[in-house]
Amino acid sequence: MGLLGVVLVHRAGILEPVPSRRARALLVALALDPGRFRSAESLIDEVWDEQPPRSPMNALHTQISRLRSLLPSGLLEAGPAGYRLALQRVDVDVTRAQDLLGRARAAQDSADHAGALRLVAETSALLRGEAGADLPTQRLADELRTTVQALRSGVDAVRLQAQLGQGQFAQALPGFVSAAPRSRWTSRRTRRCCGAWPASGTNEALAVFAELRSRLAEELGADPAPALVGLHTQLLRGELVAAPPEAHAPALATAIGLRAAPNALLGREEDTAALQALMRSYRVVTILGPGGTGKTRMAHELGRAAAQQTPVSLVELAGVRSAEDVVGAISATLGVSEAEIGPDGILRPRRRDVRERLRASLSGRPSLLILDNCEHVIAAAADVVADLVSTSAELTVLTTSRTPLMIAAEAVYQLPPLEVDESGSPATELFCARARAVRPGARLDPIVVAQLCRTLDGLPLAIELAAARVRTMSVEEVHSRIADRFALLRATDRTTPERHRTLHAVIEWSWNVLDVAQRAALRRLCRFPGGFSRAAAEEVAAWGECADIDSALDGLVN
């Protein structure tokens, strides 16, 4: 599939355009996340946007039939969760380009400048035209354009760093100059540009210095650093010699909002590796899971690892009560003030709005922004994240949530429960470690411990709450009383957040995120002990407050 330009389909060795406008939109909606099922409702929403047809399901089925006739047999699959394209990421140019760019960033981080340049050249070759121009709906077109813009910005940034790393100053300097109108220029970055000038044989570096001086005066009321002014003087006198390639060194990393680990993280080695791989390939990664699976702990673990090489900021959104406060919470954590000190020493409101200042603060260098607990302000969080990644080419965002952001740049990782096994497993090791911490001499029968962990579905928080009860009870007594788990599983750790103090609080937090129809559906569908079909759900739950069962099911699954 080709989406990076005119929408094309590869058939019989030839790339062919898709004739129908709606079928094109449907293909793009499915191909942006190859292999993943999309619900009928979400596809209708993307393909028709704000102009839905009179009979949405019939119209969708018509477009599905048209698209099937254009695609190789068996490529467009239908299932209980909706529709998908049975493709790998390498089969779609957008996702292939994202993966290549992730590999290029990894190569550059490990000082493999030649490898990084080769990979960005492969990525650039896929960017063949204006994406989204042939789509009928503005929202889908904008989504695709945002993705392509992020790809182009990422390619430019990696190419520039790799060229400087290899001493290709003449090739790098035009990139500096062309990026000046849209980048946040630091003194360090401009020093590198000025150092490249003698090798390039042009005066363009002087224009970059002027750009920095103008921005410092306008935005901060300050002058360039004396060392940079000295470099500028040397440039004017013709005294500056070409700078040698900079040796690769770790970034001067900073960490804001990260907490030190209170104890060892057990059983999450594979999840950590998988998430780090996603963060190298995607601009936005969401750790998804119900309350108590350890999403926050995992985010801190990933943040501490990343902070060794790049600045990391973690923003806790659990205390944010309204969508309007999301931007304020991020700004407060990053130190983006609502006011500035004027030349006369008087505090005045800033002229630029807070969104613009956030973009400027995050666009100057590679960085990781972590947003923890997004689910209760999910729409606002999605809006902010989409805006920041589209304007900050070197920014990566990691979020934790009980529901996905549902934006084009996002990759979702479902954090699984801990594995349970009598002969030794992450779940039983966690229980034993926490139980011995509160009662070192406790007798811990491995079979009973495994049964208890299995009853608790391998949920880390529930296992820790149960282990805390070993202070006054045996494991057998805890297991026998687990039927009354809401009363039994209560935290004794005073530092535990309120929403994690009891199992009841964990579930209540998720319940409060649901809308009226989703709550009605869940009340009715909880009578099924072992799952249910869509037809059964419609028979039991599609009435009263829950007239649209498909929409309610889609919301509950997400």
Protein backbone atom coordinates (compact mmCIF):
# COMPACT_ATOMS: atom_id res chain seq x y z
CA MET A 1 0.00 0.00 0.00
CA GLY A 2 1.22 3.48 -0.82
CA LEU A 3 -0.16 6.37 1.27
CA LEU A 4 2.75 8.82 1.12
CA GLY A 5 1.38 10.65 -1.92
CA VAL A 6 -1.46 9.49 -4.17
CA VAL A 7 -3.08 6.41 -2.56
CA LEU A 8 -1.85 3.33 -4.44
CA VAL A 9 -2.33 -0.43 -4.26
CA HIS A 10 0.26 -2.95 -5.46
CA ARG A 11 -1.39 -5.48 -7.78
CA ALA A 12 0.28 -7.91 -10.16
CA GLY A 13 3.60 -6.09 -9.85
CA ILE A 14 2.10 -2.66 -10.57
CA LEU A 15 1.14 0.21 -8.26
CA GLU A 16 -2.40 1.25 -9.22
CA PRO A 17 -4.50 4.18 -7.91
CA VAL A 18 -7.77 3.50 -6.08
CA PRO A 19 -10.58 5.03 -8.17
CA SER A 20 -13.35 5.51 -5.57
CA ARG A 21 -12.87 8.43 -3.15
CA ARG A 22 -14.65 6.69 -0.27
CA ALA A 23 -12.85 3.41 -0.89
CA ARG A 24 -9.58 5.39 -0.82
CA ALA A 25 -10.50 6.85 2.55
CA LEU A 26 -11.46 3.41 3.88
CA LEU A 27 -8.16 1.96 2.66
CA VAL A 28 -6.18 4.72 4.40
CA ALA A 29 -8.11 4.29 7.68
CA LEU A 30 -7.28 0.57 7.68
CA ALA A 31 -3.72 0.82 6.33
CA LEU A 32 -2.51 3.38 8.88
CA ASP A 33 -2.48 0.52 11.39
CA PRO A 34 -1.97 -2.67 9.33
CA GLY A 35 -3.07 -5.93 10.92
CA ARG A 36 -5.24 -4.24 13.56
CA PHE A 37 -9.02 -4.64 13.57
CA ARG A 38 -11.03 -1.41 13.32
CA SER A 39 -14.65 -1.29 14.45
CA ALA A 40 -17.38 -0.39 11.95
CA GLU A 41 -18.25 2.73 13.97
CA SER A 42 -14.71 4.09 13.95
CA LEU A 43 -14.39 3.45 10.20
CA ILE A 44 -17.68 5.22 9.46
CA ASP A 45 -16.52 8.14 11.59
CA GLU A 46 -13.23 8.46 9.69
CA VAL A 47 -14.50 7.79 6.16
CA TRP A 48 -17.53 10.15 6.30
CA ASP A 49 -16.38 12.49 9.08
CA GLU A 50 -19.17 15.04 9.78
CA GLN A 51 -21.36 13.99 6.82
CA PRO A 52 -22.51 10.42 7.64
CA PRO A 53 -24.76 8.70 5.09
CA ARG A 54 -28.41 7.93 5.83
CA SER A 55 -27.66 4.25 6.38
CA PRO A 56 -24.08 4.16 7.69
CA MET A 57 -23.70 0.38 7.97
CA ASN A 58 -25.06 -0.25 4.46
CA ALA A 59 -22.80 2.45 3.03
CA LEU A 60 -19.78 0.93 4.81
CA HIS A 61 -20.59 -2.55 3.48
CA THR A 62 -20.78 -1.09 -0.05
CA GLN A 63 -17.32 0.45 0.30
CA ILE A 64 -15.95 -2.77 1.82
CA SER A 65 -17.21 -4.68 -1.24
CA ARG A 66 -15.63 -2.15 -3.61
CA LEU A 67 -12.34 -2.29 -1.77
CA ARG A 68 -12.32 -6.11 -1.77
CA SER A 69 -12.67 -6.09 -5.55
CA LEU A 70 -9.55 -3.90 -5.80
CA LEU A 71 -7.37 -5.85 -3.36
CA PRO A 72 -5.79 -9.31 -3.62
CA SER A 73 -8.08 -12.07 -2.37
CA GLY A 74 -8.17 -12.51 1.40
CA LEU A 75 -6.35 -9.24 2.18
CA LEU A 76 -9.39 -7.46 3.66
CA GLU A 77 -10.61 -9.53 6.60
CA ALA A 78 -13.79 -9.26 8.70
CA GLY A 79 -14.11 -10.44 12.29
CA PRO A 80 -16.05 -9.86 15.52
CA ALA A 81 -13.98 -6.74 16.22
CA GLY A 82 -14.55 -5.21 12.76
CA TYR A 83 -12.30 -5.13 9.70
CA ARG A 84 -8.56 -5.21 9.07
CA LEU A 85 -5.94 -5.50 6.35
CA ALA A 86 -3.93 -8.72 6.75
CA LEU A 87 -0.62 -6.92 6.18
CA GLN A 88 2.69 -6.50 7.96
CA ARG A 89 4.08 -3.03 8.74
CA VAL A 90 6.65 -3.43 5.96
CA ASP A 91 3.78 -3.74 3.43
CA VAL A 92 2.56 -0.13 3.95
CA ASP A 93 4.89 2.74 3.09
CA VAL A 94 3.86 4.89 6.09
CA THR A 95 4.55 2.26 8.74
CA ARG A 96 7.64 1.05 6.87
CA ALA A 97 8.97 4.63 6.89
CA GLN A 98 8.24 4.98 10.62
CA ASP A 99 10.17 1.79 11.36
CA LEU A 100 13.10 2.86 9.16
CA LEU A 101 13.25 6.23 10.92
CA GLY A 102 13.22 4.48 14.31
CA ARG A 103 16.18 2.36 13.19
CA ALA A 104 17.95 5.48 11.92
CA ARG A 105 17.54 7.18 15.30
CA ALA A 106 18.89 4.09 17.05
CA ALA A 107 21.90 4.01 14.68
CA GLN A 108 22.61 7.69 15.32
CA ASP A 109 22.31 7.20 19.09
CA SER A 110 24.98 4.49 18.87
CA ALA A 111 27.27 6.78 16.77
CA ASP A 112 26.71 4.77 13.57
CA HIS A 113 26.48 7.92 11.43
CA ALA A 114 26.90 6.11 8.10
CA GLY A 115 24.15 3.65 8.99
CA ALA A 116 21.86 6.49 10.06
CA LEU A 117 22.40 8.32 6.75
CA ARG A 118 21.67 5.14 4.78
CA LEU A 119 18.43 4.54 6.69
CA VAL A 120 17.19 8.14 6.34
CA ALA A 121 17.90 7.90 2.60
CA GLU A 122 15.66 4.81 2.45
CA THR A 123 13.00 6.69 4.44
CA SER A 124 13.20 9.75 2.18
CA ALA A 125 12.76 7.59 -0.90
CA LEU A 126 9.31 6.58 0.36
CA LEU A 127 8.16 10.22 0.74
CA ARG A 128 6.97 10.63 -2.85
CA GLY A 129 4.40 13.45 -2.83
CA GLU A 130 1.68 15.36 -0.99
CA ALA A 131 -0.13 12.92 1.25
CA GLY A 132 -3.89 13.22 1.80
CA ALA A 133 -4.60 15.42 -1.23
CA ASP A 134 -6.86 12.78 -2.80
CA LEU A 135 -8.90 11.98 0.33
CA PRO A 136 -12.54 13.11 0.66
CA THR A 137 -12.55 13.91 4.40
CA GLN A 138 -10.49 16.69 5.95
CA ARG A 139 -9.90 14.95 9.27
CA LEU A 140 -8.39 11.80 7.73
CA ALA A 141 -6.30 13.90 5.36
CA ASP A 142 -5.02 16.05 8.25
CA GLU A 143 -4.19 12.91 10.22
CA LEU A 144 -2.13 11.56 7.35
CA ARG A 145 -0.43 14.91 6.73
CA THR A 146 0.52 15.16 10.44
CA THR A 147 2.11 11.72 10.25
CA VAL A 148 4.05 12.64 7.09
CA GLN A 149 5.16 15.97 8.57
CA ALA A 150 6.53 14.14 11.60
CA LEU A 151 8.38 11.74 9.28
CA ARG A 152 9.93 14.55 7.24
CA SER A 153 10.99 16.47 10.36
CA GLY A 154 12.46 13.33 11.89
CA VAL A 155 14.40 12.53 8.70
CA ASP A 156 15.81 16.08 8.57
CA ALA A 157 16.87 15.99 12.22
CA VAL A 158 18.62 12.60 12.02
CA ARG A 159 20.30 13.47 8.71
CA LEU A 160 21.64 16.72 10.17
CA GLN A 161 23.06 15.03 13.26
CA ALA A 162 24.64 12.22 11.20
CA GLN A 163 26.22 14.65 8.71
CA LEU A 164 27.79 16.65 11.52
CA GLY A 165 28.95 13.45 13.18
CA GLN A 166 30.76 12.47 9.97
CA GLY A 167 32.24 15.93 9.45
CA GLN A 168 30.11 16.64 6.37
CA PHE A 169 29.81 20.34 7.23
CA ALA A 170 29.16 21.60 3.70
CA GLN A 171 26.24 19.17 3.35
CA ALA A 172 24.92 19.92 6.85
CA LEU A 173 24.88 23.72 6.68
CA PRO A 174 21.91 24.08 4.27
CA GLY A 175 19.92 21.90 6.65
CA PHE A 176 20.71 24.25 9.51
CA VAL A 177 19.65 27.28 7.53
CA SER A 178 16.41 25.77 6.18
CA ALA A 179 15.47 24.60 9.69
CA ALA A 180 16.05 28.00 11.28
CA PRO A 181 12.51 29.41 10.72
CA ARG A 182 10.83 26.44 12.43
CA SER A 183 13.36 25.27 15.06
CA ARG A 184 14.27 26.34 18.56
CA TRP A 185 17.94 27.26 18.21
CA THR A 186 20.19 26.73 21.19
CA SER A 187 23.62 28.34 21.56
CA ARG A 188 25.25 24.90 21.34
CA ARG A 189 23.49 24.10 18.08
CA THR A 190 24.42 27.46 16.57
CA ARG A 191 28.08 27.04 17.63
CA ARG A 192 28.14 23.80 15.63
CA CYS A 193 26.65 25.60 12.65
CA CYS A 194 29.20 28.43 12.84
CA GLY A 195 31.96 25.87 13.13
CA ALA A 196 30.76 24.30 9.90
CA TRP A 197 31.07 27.51 7.90
CA PRO A 198 34.77 27.43 6.94
CA ALA A 199 34.37 23.97 5.44
CA SER A 200 31.26 25.01 3.49
CA GLY A 201 32.73 28.15 2.02
CA THR A 202 29.51 30.22 2.43
CA ASN A 203 28.24 33.01 4.67
CA GLU A 204 25.00 31.26 5.56
CA ALA A 205 26.17 30.52 9.11
CA LEU A 206 26.15 34.26 9.80
CA ALA A 207 22.44 34.30 8.94
CA VAL A 208 21.84 31.54 11.46
CA PHE A 209 23.67 33.52 14.15
CA ALA A 210 21.50 36.53 13.35
CA GLU A 211 18.40 34.31 13.63
CA LEU A 212 19.45 33.14 17.10
CA ARG A 213 20.29 36.65 18.29
CA SER A 214 16.91 37.93 17.10
CA ARG A 215 15.02 35.12 18.85
CA LEU A 216 16.92 35.52 22.12
CA ALA A 217 16.09 39.23 22.15
CA GLU A 218 12.42 38.70 21.25
CA GLU A 219 11.64 35.72 23.49
CA LEU A 220 14.00 36.12 26.47
CA GLY A 221 15.24 39.71 26.30
CA ALA A 222 18.79 38.35 26.33
CA ASP A 223 21.96 38.38 24.22
CA PRO A 224 23.90 35.36 22.93
CA ALA A 225 26.50 33.89 25.26
CA PRO A 226 29.94 35.63 25.18
CA ALA A 227 31.58 32.49 23.75
CA LEU A 228 29.14 32.52 20.84
CA VAL A 229 29.71 36.24 20.25
CA GLY A 230 33.43 35.48 20.11
CA LEU A 231 32.83 32.81 17.47
CA HIS A 232 30.81 35.32 15.47
CA THR A 233 33.67 37.82 15.62
CA GLN A 234 36.10 35.15 14.42
CA LEU A 235 33.78 34.39 11.52
CA LEU A 236 33.70 38.06 10.49
CA ARG A 237 37.51 38.30 10.64
CA GLY A 238 38.03 35.02 8.78
CA GLU A 239 39.94 33.58 11.75
CA LEU A 240 37.78 30.49 12.41
CA VAL A 241 39.08 27.15 11.17
CA ALA A 242 36.82 24.22 10.32
CA ALA A 243 35.62 22.35 13.38
CA PRO A 244 36.40 18.64 13.61
CA PRO A 245 33.56 16.11 13.80
CA GLU A 246 32.11 15.99 17.30
CA ALA A 247 32.74 12.80 19.18
CA HIS A 248 29.55 10.99 20.10
CA ALA A 249 28.67 11.60 23.73
CA PRO A 250 25.54 11.03 25.74
CA ALA A 251 23.20 14.00 25.96
CA LEU A 252 23.31 16.09 29.10
CA ALA A 253 20.24 14.34 30.40
CA THR A 254 17.83 15.71 32.96
CA ALA A 255 14.92 14.03 34.70
CA ILE A 256 11.85 15.86 35.98
CA GLY A 257 9.08 14.09 37.91
CA LEU A 258 10.68 10.63 37.99
CA ARG A 259 10.66 8.72 41.28
CA ALA A 260 13.33 6.31 42.44
CA ALA A 261 12.19 2.68 42.46
CA PRO A 262 11.11 1.61 45.99
CA ASN A 263 12.00 -2.04 45.20
CA ALA A 264 12.93 -4.29 42.28
CA LEU A 265 10.54 -4.53 39.32
CA LEU A 266 9.76 -8.24 38.92
CA GLY A 267 8.68 -10.10 35.81
CA ARG A 268 8.65 -7.19 33.37
CA GLU A 269 11.90 -7.71 31.44
CA GLU A 270 10.17 -8.70 28.17
CA ASP A 271 7.63 -5.87 28.49
CA THR A 272 10.42 -3.36 29.11
CA ALA A 273 12.33 -4.51 26.01
CA ALA A 274 9.18 -4.48 23.85
CA LEU A 275 8.23 -0.96 24.97
CA GLN A 276 11.75 0.37 24.39
CA ALA A 277 11.62 -1.06 20.86
CA LEU A 278 8.28 0.68 20.23
CA MET A 279 9.65 3.97 21.55
CA ARG A 280 12.49 3.78 19.02
CA SER A 281 10.01 3.31 16.14
CA TYR A 282 7.02 5.49 17.14
CA ARG A 283 6.62 9.07 18.26
CA VAL A 284 3.79 8.21 20.69
CA VAL A 285 3.52 5.01 22.73
CA THR A 286 0.66 4.23 25.13
CA ILE A 287 0.98 1.65 27.90
CA LEU A 288 -2.58 0.34 28.07
CA GLY A 289 -4.20 -1.75 30.79
CA PRO A 290 -6.73 -1.84 33.61
CA GLY A 291 -5.97 -0.30 36.99
CA GLY A 292 -3.35 -2.10 39.02
CA THR A 293 -1.38 -3.69 36.17
CA GLY A 294 1.70 -1.58 36.90
CA LYS A 295 1.50 1.00 34.10
CA THR A 296 2.84 3.85 36.23
CA ARG A 297 5.69 1.75 37.60
CA MET A 298 6.61 0.69 34.07
CA ALA A 299 6.58 4.32 32.87
CA HIS A 300 8.98 5.35 35.65
CA GLU A 301 11.24 2.39 34.82
CA LEU A 302 11.35 3.37 31.14
CA GLY A 303 11.86 7.03 32.04
CA ARG A 304 14.83 6.29 34.30
CA ALA A 305 16.46 4.20 31.56
CA ALA A 306 15.89 6.89 28.91
CA ALA A 307 17.15 9.68 31.21
CA GLN A 308 20.69 8.35 30.86
CA GLN A 309 20.76 9.65 27.28
CA THR A 310 17.99 12.21 26.83
CA PRO A 311 15.98 14.69 28.95
CA VAL A 312 12.83 13.14 30.45
CA SER A 313 9.83 14.86 32.01
CA LEU A 314 7.01 12.94 33.70
CA VAL A 315 3.68 14.67 34.27
CA GLU A 316 1.15 13.07 36.61
CA LEU A 317 -2.39 13.75 35.41
CA ALA A 318 -4.25 11.77 38.09
CA GLY A 319 -4.91 14.97 40.04
CA VAL A 320 -6.13 16.92 37.00
CA ARG A 321 -9.90 17.28 37.17
CA SER A 322 -10.76 19.07 33.92
CA ALA A 323 -9.58 18.94 30.33
CA GLU A 324 -8.62 22.63 30.47
CA ASP A 325 -5.99 21.88 33.12
CA VAL A 326 -4.00 19.32 31.09
CA VAL A 327 -1.88 21.92 29.32
CA GLY A 328 -1.39 23.74 32.64
CA ALA A 329 -0.16 20.57 34.35
CA ILE A 330 2.39 19.91 31.60
CA SER A 331 3.52 23.55 31.60
CA ALA A 332 3.94 23.57 35.38
CA THR A 333 6.07 20.43 35.31
CA LEU A 334 8.27 21.76 32.50
CA GLY A 335 8.60 25.17 34.17
CA VAL A 336 6.88 27.07 31.36
CA SER A 337 5.71 30.14 33.22
CA GLU A 338 2.55 32.14 32.56
CA ALA A 339 4.52 35.37 33.12
CA GLU A 340 7.89 36.90 32.23
CA ILE A 341 10.14 39.55 33.72
CA GLY A 342 10.45 42.62 31.52
CA PRO A 343 13.58 44.76 31.03
CA ASP A 344 12.33 47.04 33.81
CA GLY A 345 12.10 44.11 36.26
CA ILE A 346 8.28 44.08 36.30
CA LEU A 347 6.41 40.75 35.98
CA ARG A 348 4.07 40.77 32.97
CA PRO A 349 1.85 38.16 31.26
CA ARG A 350 3.60 36.48 28.34
CA ARG A 351 2.59 37.55 24.86
CA ARG A 352 2.52 34.02 23.42
CA ASP A 353 -0.09 31.50 24.54
CA VAL A 354 0.92 28.51 26.63
CA ARG A 355 0.60 26.01 23.75
CA GLU A 356 3.10 27.98 21.69
CA ARG A 357 5.55 28.16 24.61
CA LEU A 358 5.20 24.42 25.21
CA ARG A 359 6.02 23.74 21.56
CA ALA A 360 9.09 25.97 21.80
CA SER A 361 10.34 24.34 25.01
CA LEU A 362 10.09 20.82 23.54
CA SER A 363 11.34 21.43 20.00
CA GLY A 364 15.00 22.21 20.57
CA ARG A 365 16.45 18.75 21.27
CA PRO A 366 15.51 15.07 21.57
CA SER A 367 13.40 14.54 24.69
CA LEU A 368 10.88 12.18 26.25
CA LEU A 369 7.60 13.45 27.72
CA ILE A 370 5.68 10.97 29.90
CA LEU A 371 2.00 11.61 30.68
CA ASP A 372 0.77 9.32 33.45
CA ASN A 373 -2.93 8.45 33.96
CA CYS A 374 -4.58 10.02 30.89
CA GLU A 375 -7.87 8.10 30.86
CA HIS A 376 -10.10 10.62 32.68
CA VAL A 377 -8.95 13.51 30.43
CA ILE A 378 -8.28 11.38 27.35
CA ALA A 379 -9.64 13.78 24.69
CA ALA A 380 -7.60 16.72 25.99
CA ALA A 381 -4.49 14.59 26.39
CA ALA A 382 -4.84 13.27 22.83
CA ASP A 383 -5.24 16.81 21.48
CA VAL A 384 -2.13 18.09 23.30
CA VAL A 385 0.00 15.09 22.33
CA ALA A 386 -1.01 15.27 18.65
CA ASP A 387 -0.18 18.97 18.60
CA LEU A 388 3.22 18.58 20.29
CA VAL A 389 4.50 15.69 18.18
CA SER A 390 3.45 17.43 14.95
CA THR A 391 5.52 20.52 15.81
CA SER A 392 8.43 18.97 17.75
CA ALA A 393 10.30 16.59 15.45
CA GLU A 394 12.62 15.19 18.14
CA LEU A 395 9.98 14.67 20.84
CA THR A 396 8.81 11.21 21.92
CA VAL A 397 5.71 10.87 24.12
CA LEU A 398 4.98 7.93 26.42
CA THR A 399 1.52 7.79 28.02
CA THR A 400 -0.18 5.46 30.48
CA SER A 401 -3.91 5.06 30.25
CA ARG A 402 -6.85 2.69 30.61
CA THR A 403 -8.03 3.79 27.15
CA PRO A 404 -5.94 4.63 24.02
CA LEU A 405 -5.43 8.16 22.70
CA MET A 406 -6.69 7.06 19.24
CA ILE A 407 -4.37 9.36 17.25
CA ALA A 408 -2.43 8.52 14.09
CA ALA A 409 1.05 8.68 15.66
CA GLU A 410 0.17 6.28 18.50
CA ALA A 411 1.36 2.72 19.07
CA VAL A 412 -0.47 0.88 21.86
CA TYR A 413 1.13 -1.73 24.13
CA GLN A 414 -1.29 -3.82 26.19
CA LEU A 415 0.50 -4.51 29.49
CA PRO A 416 -0.39 -8.12 30.34
CA PRO A 417 -0.97 -9.57 33.83
CA LEU A 418 1.94 -11.39 35.48
CA GLU A 419 2.49 -15.02 34.61
CA VAL A 420 1.51 -17.51 37.37
CA ASP A 421 3.22 -20.88 37.90
CA GLU A 422 3.69 -23.05 41.02
CA SER A 423 7.29 -23.83 40.08
CA GLY A 424 8.25 -20.17 40.02
CA SER A 425 6.88 -17.18 38.12
CA PRO A 426 6.81 -13.37 38.26
CA ALA A 427 3.44 -13.33 40.08
CA THR A 428 4.49 -15.79 42.82
CA GLU A 429 7.90 -14.10 43.19
CA LEU A 430 6.16 -10.74 43.66
CA PHE A 431 3.81 -12.16 46.31
CA CYS A 432 6.64 -13.86 48.22
CA ALA A 433 8.88 -10.78 48.09
CA ARG A 434 6.16 -8.46 49.42
CA ALA A 435 4.93 -10.99 52.00
CA ARG A 436 8.45 -11.53 53.43
CA ALA A 437 8.94 -7.76 53.57
CA VAL A 438 6.05 -7.47 56.07
CA ARG A 439 6.62 -10.81 57.83
CA PRO A 440 10.05 -12.38 57.21
CA GLY A 441 9.23 -15.69 58.91
CA ALA A 442 5.94 -16.36 57.08
CA ARG A 443 5.39 -19.89 55.69
CA LEU A 444 4.62 -19.56 51.99
CA ASP A 445 3.31 -22.74 50.38
CA PRO A 446 4.13 -22.35 46.64
CA ILE A 447 0.97 -24.19 45.54
CA VAL A 448 -1.33 -22.02 47.70
CA VAL A 449 0.56 -18.87 46.66
CA ALA A 450 0.08 -19.78 42.97
CA GLN A 451 -3.64 -20.50 43.52
CA LEU A 452 -4.04 -17.14 45.23
CA CYS A 453 -2.19 -15.27 42.45
CA ARG A 454 -4.26 -17.06 39.82
CA THR A 455 -7.48 -16.09 41.63
CA LEU A 456 -6.25 -12.49 41.52
CA ASP A 457 -5.74 -12.77 37.72
CA GLY A 458 -2.02 -12.04 38.03
CA LEU A 459 -2.82 -8.37 38.73
CA PRO A 460 0.28 -6.83 40.41
CA LEU A 461 -1.63 -4.38 42.63
CA ALA A 462 -4.05 -7.07 43.86
CA ILE A 463 -1.11 -9.41 44.56
CA GLU A 464 0.68 -6.71 46.58
CA LEU A 465 -2.48 -5.88 48.54
CA ALA A 466 -2.98 -9.58 49.32
CA ALA A 467 0.68 -10.01 50.34
CA ALA A 468 0.30 -7.13 52.82
CA ARG A 469 -2.34 -9.23 54.64
CA VAL A 470 0.31 -11.84 55.49
CA ARG A 471 1.35 -9.52 58.31
CA THR A 472 -1.59 -10.85 60.38
CA MET A 473 -2.86 -13.88 58.41
CA SER A 474 -1.47 -17.04 56.84
CA VAL A 475 -1.48 -17.45 53.06
CA GLU A 476 -4.19 -20.11 53.43
CA GLU A 477 -6.38 -17.68 55.41
CA VAL A 478 -5.89 -14.95 52.84
CA HIS A 479 -6.86 -17.38 50.06
CA SER A 480 -9.95 -18.63 51.90
CA ARG A 481 -11.22 -15.08 52.40
CA ILE A 482 -10.43 -13.83 48.89
CA ALA A 483 -14.12 -14.15 47.90
CA ASP A 484 -14.64 -10.93 49.89
CA ARG A 485 -11.79 -9.26 48.05
CA PHE A 486 -13.16 -5.71 48.22
CA ALA A 487 -13.06 -5.78 52.02
CA LEU A 488 -9.83 -7.80 52.23
CA LEU A 489 -7.59 -6.05 49.73
CA ARG A 490 -6.75 -2.73 51.33
CA ALA A 491 -3.36 -1.01 51.34
CA THR A 492 -1.44 -0.30 54.53
CA ASP A 493 1.26 1.75 52.76
CA ARG A 494 0.54 5.41 53.56
CA THR A 495 2.36 6.58 50.40
CA THR A 496 0.00 4.66 48.09
CA PRO A 497 -2.19 6.96 45.93
CA GLU A 498 -5.85 7.09 47.02
CA ARG A 499 -7.03 5.40 43.81
CA HIS A 500 -4.79 2.38 44.64
CA ARG A 501 -5.57 2.08 48.36
CA THR A 502 -8.29 -0.54 47.78
CA LEU A 503 -9.37 -2.79 44.94
CA HIS A 504 -12.74 -1.03 45.09
CA ALA A 505 -11.03 2.34 44.46
CA VAL A 506 -9.16 0.91 41.46
CA ILE A 507 -12.41 -0.26 39.84
CA GLU A 508 -14.29 2.91 40.79
CA TRP A 509 -11.67 5.03 38.99
CA SER A 510 -12.31 3.07 35.77
CA TRP A 511 -16.10 3.15 36.28
CA ASN A 512 -16.07 6.93 36.53
CA VAL A 513 -14.42 7.18 33.10
CA LEU A 514 -17.36 5.39 31.40
CA ASP A 515 -20.28 7.30 29.92
CA VAL A 516 -23.94 6.54 30.72
CA ALA A 517 -24.43 4.03 27.87
CA GLN A 518 -21.20 2.16 28.69
CA ARG A 519 -22.16 1.87 32.36
CA ALA A 520 -25.60 0.54 31.45
CA ALA A 521 -24.04 -2.02 29.08
CA LEU A 522 -21.51 -3.17 31.68
CA ARG A 523 -24.20 -3.58 34.38
CA ARG A 524 -26.17 -5.86 32.04
CA LEU A 525 -23.27 -7.75 30.43
CA CYS A 526 -21.54 -8.59 33.73
CA ARG A 527 -24.10 -11.42 34.09
CA PHE A 528 -22.17 -13.40 31.48
CA PRO A 529 -19.51 -15.37 33.36
CA GLY A 530 -17.46 -16.49 30.34
CA GLY A 531 -17.77 -13.88 27.60
CA PHE A 532 -20.53 -13.28 25.07
CA SER A 533 -21.18 -12.79 21.36
CA ARG A 534 -22.29 -9.53 19.82
CA ALA A 535 -25.74 -11.00 19.16
CA ALA A 536 -26.08 -11.96 22.84
CA ALA A 537 -24.96 -8.48 23.91
CA GLU A 538 -27.58 -6.88 21.66
CA GLU A 539 -30.31 -9.16 23.04
CA VAL A 540 -29.46 -8.49 26.68
CA ALA A 541 -28.18 -4.91 26.76
CA ALA A 542 -29.46 -2.91 23.75
CA TRP A 543 -32.34 -1.00 25.33
CA GLY A 544 -33.03 2.14 27.34
CA GLU A 545 -29.82 4.05 28.11
CA CYS A 546 -27.85 1.75 25.80
CA ALA A 547 -29.62 2.01 22.45
CA ASP A 548 -26.37 1.83 20.42
CA ILE A 549 -24.78 -1.41 21.66
CA ASP A 550 -21.94 -1.32 19.09
CA SER A 551 -20.75 2.07 20.30
CA ALA A 552 -21.00 0.99 23.94
CA LEU A 553 -19.02 -2.22 23.29
CA ASP A 554 -16.38 -0.28 21.38
CA GLY A 555 -15.99 2.12 24.32
CA LEU A 556 -15.77 -0.72 26.87
CA VAL A 557 -13.13 -2.58 24.85
CA ASN A 558 -11.08 0.61 24.51
